[in-house]
Amino acid sequence: MGYLLPHILNRNIMARTYHSINLTEAQQDFIRLLDANEIDIFSLLNIEKLINKKIPLLNEIIENLTKKDFLSRIENGKYCRTNFKDELVIGCNLINDGSVAYWSALNKHRLTEQFPNTIFIQTTKRKLDKKVFGVNYQFVTVAKSKATGIITEGFGNHSYRITDVEKTIVDCFDLPEYSGGFAELIRAFNDAALTGKKMIEYCQAIHNIAATKRMGFLAELLNKKGMKAFIRYAQGQIKEAYNVFDSQSADKGEFINEWRLRLNISKEEILDICNKVH
């Protein structure tokens, strides 16, 4: 990650200046423990477990180190080193089961060149949106059955949870308002390397027939490799009711009977979005 080199340099500078700043021996020892265990982000609840040591007057030490700008408070009871600004790691530390998802995950998986000005965090719990160090975080609460397809990226104390490629695509079709725009989502679907088995599993988890139909139709139209089983699955979910293809646009356009969809974005427009010859 781009911040690592300056982060290491800043840490070394910090280490050399311990004794030139008015730090108590206990505060110096705590910083050394963070260095030794490569810890940049922590909570009051987990820090002693992370460093495998009980710290007398822990709250007082952390409060004083925060006042002296060796630590920054993320929110109540959660802290990071002052020079630590990895927004994905911070976002996942704001809620216990948080995972980077939707538009933010599309960007991280390089399925969109658009960079969201908000970090989307999927969680099964309720939490108010907030801003930390100038970054906006939006928490999208889902049912526990939808909290699947999550992988871990990063290393050690810098690791974070994120939805895998297939789950990111499925989640964005499930809740397209968090996807950065339907045209961008169509393009991401076209560009992504998708596994049909995972697509079926995640569609079963979200239990959104309209979203499943849209993805099945797209897979068939774009002739996506390895998606025949998924297309058959999606066709098996079709009910009598019609849905518009883009749920956030007007109810108009061609009716596609075999998919029970109304194309308010035409096939030609879809192929143009994907830069396909038609």
C-alpha atoms as a PDB file:
ATOM      1  CA  MET A   1       0.000   0.000   0.000  1.00  0.00           C
ATOM      2  CA  GLY A   2       1.200   3.485  -0.861  1.00  0.00           C
ATOM      3  CA  TYR A   3       1.243   4.745   2.722  1.00  0.00           C
ATOM      4  CA  LEU A   4       3.603   2.059   4.035  1.00  0.00           C
ATOM      5  CA  LEU A   5       6.956   3.666   3.211  1.00  0.00           C
ATOM      6  CA  PRO A   6       6.210   7.098   4.695  1.00  0.00           C
ATOM      7  CA  HIS A   7       4.437   5.284   7.522  1.00  0.00           C
ATOM      8  CA  ILE A   8       7.625   3.318   8.347  1.00  0.00           C
ATOM      9  CA  LEU A   9       9.778   6.460   8.038  1.00  0.00           C
ATOM     10  CA  ASN A  10       7.436   8.392  10.335  1.00  0.00           C
ATOM     11  CA  ARG A  11       7.476   5.547  12.833  1.00  0.00           C
ATOM     12  CA  ASN A  12      11.292   5.551  12.871  1.00  0.00           C
ATOM     13  CA  ILE A  13      11.359   9.300  13.351  1.00  0.00           C
ATOM     14  CA  MET A  14       8.831   8.944  16.146  1.00  0.00           C
ATOM     15  CA  ALA A  15      10.917   6.220  17.785  1.00  0.00           C
ATOM     16  CA  ARG A  16      14.011   8.468  17.771  1.00  0.00           C
ATOM     17  CA  THR A  17      12.108  11.348  19.377  1.00  0.00           C
ATOM     18  CA  TYR A  18      10.594   9.510  22.333  1.00  0.00           C
ATOM     19  CA  HIS A  19      13.033  11.035  24.784  1.00  0.00           C
ATOM     20  CA  SER A  20      12.920  14.550  23.314  1.00  0.00           C
ATOM     21  CA  ILE A  21       9.209  14.827  24.058  1.00  0.00           C
ATOM     22  CA  ASN A  22       7.740  14.929  27.508  1.00  0.00           C
ATOM     23  CA  LEU A  23       6.675  11.280  27.736  1.00  0.00           C
ATOM     24  CA  THR A  24       6.574   9.282  30.920  1.00  0.00           C
ATOM     25  CA  GLU A  25       8.362   5.947  31.063  1.00  0.00           C
ATOM     26  CA  ALA A  26       4.986   4.147  30.940  1.00  0.00           C
ATOM     27  CA  GLN A  27       3.972   6.083  27.818  1.00  0.00           C
ATOM     28  CA  GLN A  28       7.316   5.332  26.136  1.00  0.00           C
ATOM     29  CA  ASP A  29       6.925   1.631  27.009  1.00  0.00           C
ATOM     30  CA  PHE A  30       3.432   1.549  25.496  1.00  0.00           C
ATOM     31  CA  ILE A  31       4.628   3.100  22.223  1.00  0.00           C
ATOM     32  CA  ARG A  32       7.495   0.585  22.109  1.00  0.00           C
ATOM     33  CA  LEU A  33       4.985  -2.245  22.578  1.00  0.00           C
ATOM     34  CA  LEU A  34       2.916  -0.918  19.659  1.00  0.00           C
ATOM     35  CA  ASP A  35       6.087  -0.794  17.549  1.00  0.00           C
ATOM     36  CA  ALA A  36       7.210  -4.280  18.550  1.00  0.00           C
ATOM     37  CA  ASN A  37       3.805  -5.767  17.713  1.00  0.00           C
ATOM     38  CA  GLU A  38       3.333  -3.647  14.556  1.00  0.00           C
ATOM     39  CA  ILE A  39       0.050  -2.238  15.847  1.00  0.00           C
ATOM     40  CA  ASP A  40      -1.330   0.914  14.254  1.00  0.00           C
ATOM     41  CA  ILE A  41      -5.036   0.621  15.086  1.00  0.00           C
ATOM     42  CA  PHE A  42      -6.703  -0.790  18.192  1.00  0.00           C
ATOM     43  CA  SER A  43      -9.514  -0.471  20.710  1.00  0.00           C
ATOM     44  CA  LEU A  44      -9.419  -0.301  24.483  1.00  0.00           C
ATOM     45  CA  LEU A  45     -11.144  -3.686  24.478  1.00  0.00           C
ATOM     46  CA  ASN A  46      -8.553  -5.508  22.373  1.00  0.00           C
ATOM     47  CA  ILE A  47      -5.204  -3.784  22.873  1.00  0.00           C
ATOM     48  CA  GLU A  48      -4.013  -5.890  25.820  1.00  0.00           C
ATOM     49  CA  LYS A  49      -4.852  -9.042  23.877  1.00  0.00           C
ATOM     50  CA  LEU A  50      -2.967  -7.729  20.832  1.00  0.00           C
ATOM     51  CA  ILE A  51       0.196  -6.991  22.814  1.00  0.00           C
ATOM     52  CA  ASN A  52      -0.307  -9.973  25.152  1.00  0.00           C
ATOM     53  CA  LYS A  53       0.305  -7.914  28.260  1.00  0.00           C
ATOM     54  CA  LYS A  54      -1.693  -6.200  30.998  1.00  0.00           C
ATOM     55  CA  ILE A  55      -1.030  -2.459  31.165  1.00  0.00           C
ATOM     56  CA  PRO A  56      -1.602  -0.604  34.450  1.00  0.00           C
ATOM     57  CA  LEU A  57      -3.417   2.731  34.042  1.00  0.00           C
ATOM     58  CA  LEU A  58      -4.065   1.911  30.379  1.00  0.00           C
ATOM     59  CA  ASN A  59      -6.838   4.492  29.890  1.00  0.00           C
ATOM     60  CA  GLU A  60      -4.677   7.258  31.338  1.00  0.00           C
ATOM     61  CA  ILE A  61      -1.690   6.329  29.137  1.00  0.00           C
ATOM     62  CA  ILE A  62      -3.780   6.306  25.965  1.00  0.00           C
ATOM     63  CA  GLU A  63      -5.522   9.569  26.853  1.00  0.00           C
ATOM     64  CA  ASN A  64      -2.197  11.326  27.417  1.00  0.00           C
ATOM     65  CA  LEU A  65      -0.652   9.912  24.228  1.00  0.00           C
ATOM     66  CA  THR A  66      -3.699  11.211  22.351  1.00  0.00           C
ATOM     67  CA  LYS A  67      -3.257  14.689  23.823  1.00  0.00           C
ATOM     68  CA  LYS A  68       0.421  14.580  22.810  1.00  0.00           C
ATOM     69  CA  ASP A  69      -0.519  13.575  19.217  1.00  0.00           C
ATOM     70  CA  PHE A  70       1.117  10.159  19.311  1.00  0.00           C
ATOM     71  CA  LEU A  71      -2.362   8.612  18.921  1.00  0.00           C
ATOM     72  CA  SER A  72      -5.582   9.789  17.278  1.00  0.00           C
ATOM     73  CA  ARG A  73      -9.071   8.946  18.522  1.00  0.00           C
ATOM     74  CA  ILE A  74     -11.206   7.344  15.792  1.00  0.00           C
ATOM     75  CA  GLU A  75     -14.286   7.221  17.980  1.00  0.00           C
ATOM     76  CA  ASN A  76     -14.980   6.461  21.613  1.00  0.00           C
ATOM     77  CA  GLY A  77     -12.649   3.636  22.735  1.00  0.00           C
ATOM     78  CA  LYS A  78     -10.936   3.245  19.330  1.00  0.00           C
ATOM     79  CA  TYR A  79      -7.561   4.687  18.400  1.00  0.00           C
ATOM     80  CA  CYS A  80      -4.841   4.639  15.762  1.00  0.00           C
ATOM     81  CA  ARG A  81      -1.321   5.958  15.341  1.00  0.00           C
ATOM     82  CA  THR A  82      -1.460   9.606  14.320  1.00  0.00           C
ATOM     83  CA  ASN A  83       0.033   8.926  10.876  1.00  0.00           C
ATOM     84  CA  PHE A  84      -2.228   5.933  10.142  1.00  0.00           C
ATOM     85  CA  LYS A  85      -4.919   6.817   7.617  1.00  0.00           C
ATOM     86  CA  ASP A  86      -5.894   3.578   5.797  1.00  0.00           C
ATOM     87  CA  GLU A  87      -9.579   4.361   5.286  1.00  0.00           C
ATOM     88  CA  LEU A  88     -10.631   0.754   4.532  1.00  0.00           C
ATOM     89  CA  VAL A  89      -9.003  -0.612   7.695  1.00  0.00           C
ATOM     90  CA  ILE A  90     -10.460   2.232   9.745  1.00  0.00           C
ATOM     91  CA  GLY A  91     -13.925   1.649   8.260  1.00  0.00           C
ATOM     92  CA  CYS A  92     -13.946  -2.031   9.178  1.00  0.00           C
ATOM     93  CA  ASN A  93     -12.814  -1.181  12.705  1.00  0.00           C
ATOM     94  CA  LEU A  94     -15.799   1.105  13.213  1.00  0.00           C
ATOM     95  CA  ILE A  95     -18.174  -1.882  13.508  1.00  0.00           C
ATOM     96  CA  ASN A  96     -17.352  -5.407  14.676  1.00  0.00           C
ATOM     97  CA  ASP A  97     -18.618  -7.295  11.617  1.00  0.00           C
ATOM     98  CA  GLY A  98     -18.026  -4.543   9.055  1.00  0.00           C
ATOM     99  CA  SER A  99     -16.926  -5.351   5.501  1.00  0.00           C
ATOM    100  CA  VAL A 100     -15.981  -3.027   2.643  1.00  0.00           C
ATOM    101  CA  ALA A 101     -18.750  -3.473   0.077  1.00  0.00           C
ATOM    102  CA  TYR A 102     -20.787  -2.030  -2.838  1.00  0.00           C
ATOM    103  CA  TRP A 103     -19.160   0.850  -4.760  1.00  0.00           C
ATOM    104  CA  SER A 104     -16.094   0.838  -2.486  1.00  0.00           C
ATOM    105  CA  ALA A 105     -15.515  -2.862  -3.157  1.00  0.00           C
ATOM    106  CA  LEU A 106     -16.062  -2.358  -6.905  1.00  0.00           C
ATOM    107  CA  ASN A 107     -13.281   0.211  -6.814  1.00  0.00           C
ATOM    108  CA  LYS A 108     -10.961  -1.963  -4.728  1.00  0.00           C
ATOM    109  CA  HIS A 109     -11.499  -4.919  -7.101  1.00  0.00           C
ATOM    110  CA  ARG A 110     -10.677  -2.544 -10.014  1.00  0.00           C
ATOM    111  CA  LEU A 111     -14.107  -2.964 -11.549  1.00  0.00           C
ATOM    112  CA  THR A 112     -14.699   0.775 -11.710  1.00  0.00           C
ATOM    113  CA  GLU A 113     -12.403   3.723 -12.235  1.00  0.00           C
ATOM    114  CA  GLN A 114     -14.789   5.948 -10.343  1.00  0.00           C
ATOM    115  CA  PHE A 115     -13.665   6.641  -6.807  1.00  0.00           C
ATOM    116  CA  PRO A 116     -16.509   7.035  -4.313  1.00  0.00           C
ATOM    117  CA  ASN A 117     -16.281   9.947  -1.883  1.00  0.00           C
ATOM    118  CA  THR A 118     -17.926   7.681   0.691  1.00  0.00           C
ATOM    119  CA  ILE A 119     -16.672   4.348   2.020  1.00  0.00           C
ATOM    120  CA  PHE A 120     -19.539   1.808   2.082  1.00  0.00           C
ATOM    121  CA  ILE A 121     -19.408  -0.694   4.929  1.00  0.00           C
ATOM    122  CA  GLN A 122     -21.817  -3.634   5.015  1.00  0.00           C
ATOM    123  CA  THR A 123     -22.842  -4.865   8.464  1.00  0.00           C
ATOM    124  CA  THR A 124     -25.597  -6.867  10.147  1.00  0.00           C
ATOM    125  CA  LYS A 125     -25.768  -4.242  12.893  1.00  0.00           C
ATOM    126  CA  ARG A 126     -27.119  -0.720  12.945  1.00  0.00           C
ATOM    127  CA  LYS A 127     -24.703   2.170  13.069  1.00  0.00           C
ATOM    128  CA  LEU A 128     -25.068   5.828  12.184  1.00  0.00           C
ATOM    129  CA  ASP A 129     -23.044   7.126   9.255  1.00  0.00           C
ATOM    130  CA  LYS A 130     -20.067   9.176  10.337  1.00  0.00           C
ATOM    131  CA  LYS A 131     -16.999  11.102   9.201  1.00  0.00           C
ATOM    132  CA  VAL A 132     -13.532  10.150  10.446  1.00  0.00           C
ATOM    133  CA  PHE A 133     -10.400  12.136   9.518  1.00  0.00           C
ATOM    134  CA  GLY A 134     -12.371  13.806   6.719  1.00  0.00           C
ATOM    135  CA  VAL A 135     -13.642  10.518   5.221  1.00  0.00           C
ATOM    136  CA  ASN A 136     -17.376   9.748   5.052  1.00  0.00           C
ATOM    137  CA  TYR A 137     -18.457   6.248   6.077  1.00  0.00           C
ATOM    138  CA  GLN A 138     -21.911   4.889   5.245  1.00  0.00           C
ATOM    139  CA  PHE A 139     -23.089   1.727   6.995  1.00  0.00           C
ATOM    140  CA  VAL A 140     -25.486  -0.508   5.073  1.00  0.00           C
ATOM    141  CA  THR A 141     -27.334  -2.897   7.374  1.00  0.00           C
ATOM    142  CA  VAL A 142     -28.300  -6.275   5.890  1.00  0.00           C
ATOM    143  CA  ALA A 143     -29.847  -9.484   7.184  1.00  0.00           C
ATOM    144  CA  LYS A 144     -27.380 -12.041   8.569  1.00  0.00           C
ATOM    145  CA  SER A 145     -28.153 -14.357   5.650  1.00  0.00           C
ATOM    146  CA  LYS A 146     -26.696 -11.733   3.293  1.00  0.00           C
ATOM    147  CA  ALA A 147     -23.409 -11.433   5.186  1.00  0.00           C
ATOM    148  CA  THR A 148     -21.543 -13.985   3.097  1.00  0.00           C
ATOM    149  CA  GLY A 149     -18.854 -13.978   0.411  1.00  0.00           C
ATOM    150  CA  ILE A 150     -16.448 -12.044   2.632  1.00  0.00           C
ATOM    151  CA  ILE A 151     -12.677 -12.310   2.303  1.00  0.00           C
ATOM    152  CA  THR A 152      -9.790 -10.698   4.192  1.00  0.00           C
ATOM    153  CA  GLU A 153      -7.219  -8.486   2.517  1.00  0.00           C
ATOM    154  CA  GLY A 154      -4.163  -6.719   3.901  1.00  0.00           C
ATOM    155  CA  PHE A 155      -1.786  -8.048   6.520  1.00  0.00           C
ATOM    156  CA  GLY A 156      -1.718  -8.279  10.287  1.00  0.00           C
ATOM    157  CA  ASN A 157      -3.043  -5.206  12.019  1.00  0.00           C
ATOM    158  CA  HIS A 158      -3.677  -3.649   8.573  1.00  0.00           C
ATOM    159  CA  SER A 159      -6.105  -6.345   7.440  1.00  0.00           C
ATOM    160  CA  TYR A 160      -9.745  -5.663   6.617  1.00  0.00           C
ATOM    161  CA  ARG A 161     -12.827  -7.557   5.425  1.00  0.00           C
ATOM    162  CA  ILE A 162     -14.223  -7.043   1.938  1.00  0.00           C
ATOM    163  CA  THR A 163     -16.854  -8.774  -0.196  1.00  0.00           C
ATOM    164  CA  ASP A 164     -15.318 -10.913  -2.944  1.00  0.00           C
ATOM    165  CA  VAL A 165     -15.852 -10.072  -6.610  1.00  0.00           C
ATOM    166  CA  GLU A 166     -19.016 -12.142  -7.109  1.00  0.00           C
ATOM    167  CA  LYS A 167     -20.609 -10.985  -3.849  1.00  0.00           C
ATOM    168  CA  THR A 168     -19.772  -7.379  -4.686  1.00  0.00           C
ATOM    169  CA  ILE A 169     -21.571  -7.694  -8.029  1.00  0.00           C
ATOM    170  CA  VAL A 170     -24.579  -9.435  -6.473  1.00  0.00           C
ATOM    171  CA  ASP A 171     -24.774  -6.889  -3.626  1.00  0.00           C
ATOM    172  CA  CYS A 172     -24.710  -3.994  -6.094  1.00  0.00           C
ATOM    173  CA  PHE A 173     -27.586  -5.488  -8.098  1.00  0.00           C
ATOM    174  CA  ASP A 174     -29.430  -6.115  -4.834  1.00  0.00           C
ATOM    175  CA  LEU A 175     -29.010  -2.481  -3.700  1.00  0.00           C
ATOM    176  CA  PRO A 176     -27.987  -0.528  -6.822  1.00  0.00           C
ATOM    177  CA  GLU A 177     -28.281   2.827  -5.060  1.00  0.00           C
ATOM    178  CA  TYR A 178     -24.899   2.023  -3.500  1.00  0.00           C
ATOM    179  CA  SER A 179     -23.228   0.950  -6.744  1.00  0.00           C
ATOM    180  CA  GLY A 180     -22.230   4.277  -8.291  1.00  0.00           C
ATOM    181  CA  GLY A 181     -24.747   4.142 -11.124  1.00  0.00           C
ATOM    182  CA  PHE A 182     -26.389   1.390 -13.155  1.00  0.00           C
ATOM    183  CA  ALA A 183     -24.295   1.964 -16.292  1.00  0.00           C
ATOM    184  CA  GLU A 184     -21.129   1.591 -14.217  1.00  0.00           C
ATOM    185  CA  LEU A 185     -22.558  -1.595 -12.693  1.00  0.00           C
ATOM    186  CA  ILE A 186     -23.323  -3.068 -16.139  1.00  0.00           C
ATOM    187  CA  ARG A 187     -19.739  -2.313 -17.182  1.00  0.00           C
ATOM    188  CA  ALA A 188     -18.386  -3.932 -13.989  1.00  0.00           C
ATOM    189  CA  PHE A 189     -20.517  -7.044 -14.589  1.00  0.00           C
ATOM    190  CA  ASN A 190     -19.116  -7.316 -18.108  1.00  0.00           C
ATOM    191  CA  ASP A 191     -15.494  -6.870 -16.987  1.00  0.00           C
ATOM    192  CA  ALA A 192     -15.577  -9.115 -13.893  1.00  0.00           C
ATOM    193  CA  ALA A 193     -14.334 -12.695 -13.976  1.00  0.00           C
ATOM    194  CA  LEU A 194     -17.315 -14.450 -12.373  1.00  0.00           C
ATOM    195  CA  THR A 195     -17.832 -17.995 -11.116  1.00  0.00           C
ATOM    196  CA  GLY A 196     -21.334 -19.318 -11.780  1.00  0.00           C
ATOM    197  CA  LYS A 197     -21.395 -21.440  -8.614  1.00  0.00           C
ATOM    198  CA  LYS A 198     -20.638 -18.448  -6.405  1.00  0.00           C
ATOM    199  CA  MET A 199     -23.193 -16.318  -8.232  1.00  0.00           C
ATOM    200  CA  ILE A 200     -25.885 -18.905  -7.511  1.00  0.00           C
ATOM    201  CA  GLU A 201     -24.859 -19.147  -3.849  1.00  0.00           C
ATOM    202  CA  TYR A 202     -24.931 -15.386  -3.340  1.00  0.00           C
ATOM    203  CA  CYS A 203     -28.207 -14.916  -5.209  1.00  0.00           C
ATOM    204  CA  GLN A 204     -29.743 -17.503  -2.888  1.00  0.00           C
ATOM    205  CA  ALA A 205     -28.396 -15.473   0.050  1.00  0.00           C
ATOM    206  CA  ILE A 206     -29.868 -12.124  -1.044  1.00  0.00           C
ATOM    207  CA  HIS A 207     -33.164 -13.720  -2.183  1.00  0.00           C
ATOM    208  CA  ASN A 208     -33.905 -10.911  -4.649  1.00  0.00           C
ATOM    209  CA  ILE A 209     -35.634 -12.375  -7.721  1.00  0.00           C
ATOM    210  CA  ALA A 210     -35.620  -9.127  -9.706  1.00  0.00           C
ATOM    211  CA  ALA A 211     -31.866  -8.694  -9.186  1.00  0.00           C
ATOM    212  CA  THR A 212     -31.248 -12.344 -10.124  1.00  0.00           C
ATOM    213  CA  LYS A 213     -33.249 -11.931 -13.343  1.00  0.00           C
ATOM    214  CA  ARG A 214     -31.278  -8.818 -14.303  1.00  0.00           C
ATOM    215  CA  MET A 215     -27.961 -10.593 -13.815  1.00  0.00           C
ATOM    216  CA  GLY A 216     -29.154 -13.701 -15.653  1.00  0.00           C
ATOM    217  CA  PHE A 217     -30.350 -11.626 -18.597  1.00  0.00           C
ATOM    218  CA  LEU A 218     -27.040  -9.737 -18.707  1.00  0.00           C
ATOM    219  CA  ALA A 219     -24.994 -12.950 -18.520  1.00  0.00           C
ATOM    220  CA  GLU A 220     -26.945 -14.338 -21.477  1.00  0.00           C
ATOM    221  CA  LEU A 221     -26.814 -11.108 -23.522  1.00  0.00           C
ATOM    222  CA  LEU A 222     -23.076 -10.655 -22.940  1.00  0.00           C
ATOM    223  CA  ASN A 223     -22.355 -14.361 -23.402  1.00  0.00           C
ATOM    224  CA  LYS A 224     -20.403 -14.467 -20.134  1.00  0.00           C
ATOM    225  CA  LYS A 225     -18.021 -17.408 -19.917  1.00  0.00           C
ATOM    226  CA  GLY A 226     -18.719 -20.063 -17.306  1.00  0.00           C
ATOM    227  CA  MET A 227     -22.179 -18.710 -16.537  1.00  0.00           C
ATOM    228  CA  LYS A 228     -24.481 -21.266 -18.197  1.00  0.00           C
ATOM    229  CA  ALA A 229     -25.401 -22.900 -14.879  1.00  0.00           C
ATOM    230  CA  PHE A 230     -26.111 -19.482 -13.388  1.00  0.00           C
ATOM    231  CA  ILE A 231     -28.291 -18.516 -16.357  1.00  0.00           C
ATOM    232  CA  ARG A 232     -30.316 -21.730 -15.910  1.00  0.00           C
ATOM    233  CA  TYR A 233     -30.639 -20.983 -12.186  1.00  0.00           C
ATOM    234  CA  ALA A 234     -31.793 -17.410 -12.877  1.00  0.00           C
ATOM    235  CA  GLN A 235     -34.357 -18.637 -15.411  1.00  0.00           C
ATOM    236  CA  GLY A 236     -35.705 -21.020 -12.794  1.00  0.00           C
ATOM    237  CA  GLN A 237     -36.406 -18.073 -10.461  1.00  0.00           C
ATOM    238  CA  ILE A 238     -38.650 -16.212 -12.905  1.00  0.00           C
ATOM    239  CA  LYS A 239     -42.196 -15.457 -11.758  1.00  0.00           C
ATOM    240  CA  GLU A 240     -45.077 -13.896 -13.699  1.00  0.00           C
ATOM    241  CA  ALA A 241     -44.396 -10.329 -12.601  1.00  0.00           C
ATOM    242  CA  TYR A 242     -42.337  -8.030 -14.823  1.00  0.00           C
ATOM    243  CA  ASN A 243     -39.558  -5.783 -13.517  1.00  0.00           C
ATOM    244  CA  VAL A 244     -37.842  -2.876 -15.218  1.00  0.00           C
ATOM    245  CA  PHE A 245     -34.208  -3.605 -15.999  1.00  0.00           C
ATOM    246  CA  ASP A 246     -32.888  -0.453 -14.300  1.00  0.00           C
ATOM    247  CA  SER A 247     -34.923  -0.108 -11.119  1.00  0.00           C
ATOM    248  CA  GLN A 248     -33.902   3.530 -10.727  1.00  0.00           C
ATOM    249  CA  SER A 249     -35.165   4.638 -14.164  1.00  0.00           C
ATOM    250  CA  ALA A 250     -38.560   5.106 -15.844  1.00  0.00           C
ATOM    251  CA  ASP A 251     -40.956   2.219 -16.518  1.00  0.00           C
ATOM    252  CA  LYS A 252     -40.691   2.106 -20.309  1.00  0.00           C
ATOM    253  CA  GLY A 253     -39.037   0.150 -23.100  1.00  0.00           C
ATOM    254  CA  GLU A 254     -39.148  -3.288 -24.748  1.00  0.00           C
ATOM    255  CA  PHE A 255     -40.692  -6.237 -22.909  1.00  0.00           C
ATOM    256  CA  ILE A 256     -38.506  -9.377 -22.794  1.00  0.00           C
ATOM    257  CA  ASN A 257     -41.017 -12.146 -22.115  1.00  0.00           C
ATOM    258  CA  GLU A 258     -38.549 -14.963 -21.417  1.00  0.00           C
ATOM    259  CA  TRP A 259     -36.959 -12.927 -18.598  1.00  0.00           C
ATOM    260  CA  ARG A 260     -40.048 -10.989 -17.500  1.00  0.00           C
ATOM    261  CA  LEU A 261     -38.037  -7.778 -17.800  1.00  0.00           C
ATOM    262  CA  ARG A 262     -38.815  -4.424 -19.363  1.00  0.00           C
ATOM    263  CA  LEU A 263     -35.702  -2.951 -20.945  1.00  0.00           C
ATOM    264  CA  ASN A 264     -35.690   0.718 -20.026  1.00  0.00           C
ATOM    265  CA  ILE A 265     -32.081   0.456 -21.222  1.00  0.00           C
ATOM    266  CA  SER A 266     -32.073  -1.137 -24.673  1.00  0.00           C
ATOM    267  CA  LYS A 267     -29.869  -4.071 -25.685  1.00  0.00           C
ATOM    268  CA  GLU A 268     -27.980  -1.740 -28.005  1.00  0.00           C
ATOM    269  CA  GLU A 269     -27.334   0.710 -25.163  1.00  0.00           C
ATOM    270  CA  ILE A 270     -26.152  -2.120 -22.897  1.00  0.00           C
ATOM    271  CA  LEU A 271     -23.727  -3.342 -25.549  1.00  0.00           C
ATOM    272  CA  ASP A 272     -22.507   0.217 -26.082  1.00  0.00           C
ATOM    273  CA  ILE A 273     -21.893   0.583 -22.346  1.00  0.00           C
ATOM    274  CA  CYS A 274     -19.796  -2.586 -22.486  1.00  0.00           C
ATOM    275  CA  ASN A 275     -18.097  -1.470 -25.721  1.00  0.00           C
ATOM    276  CA  LYS A 276     -19.418  -4.603 -27.456  1.00  0.00           C
ATOM    277  CA  VAL A 277     -19.878  -4.691 -31.216  1.00  0.00           C
ATOM    278  CA  HIS A 278     -23.517  -5.293 -32.187  1.00  0.00           C
END
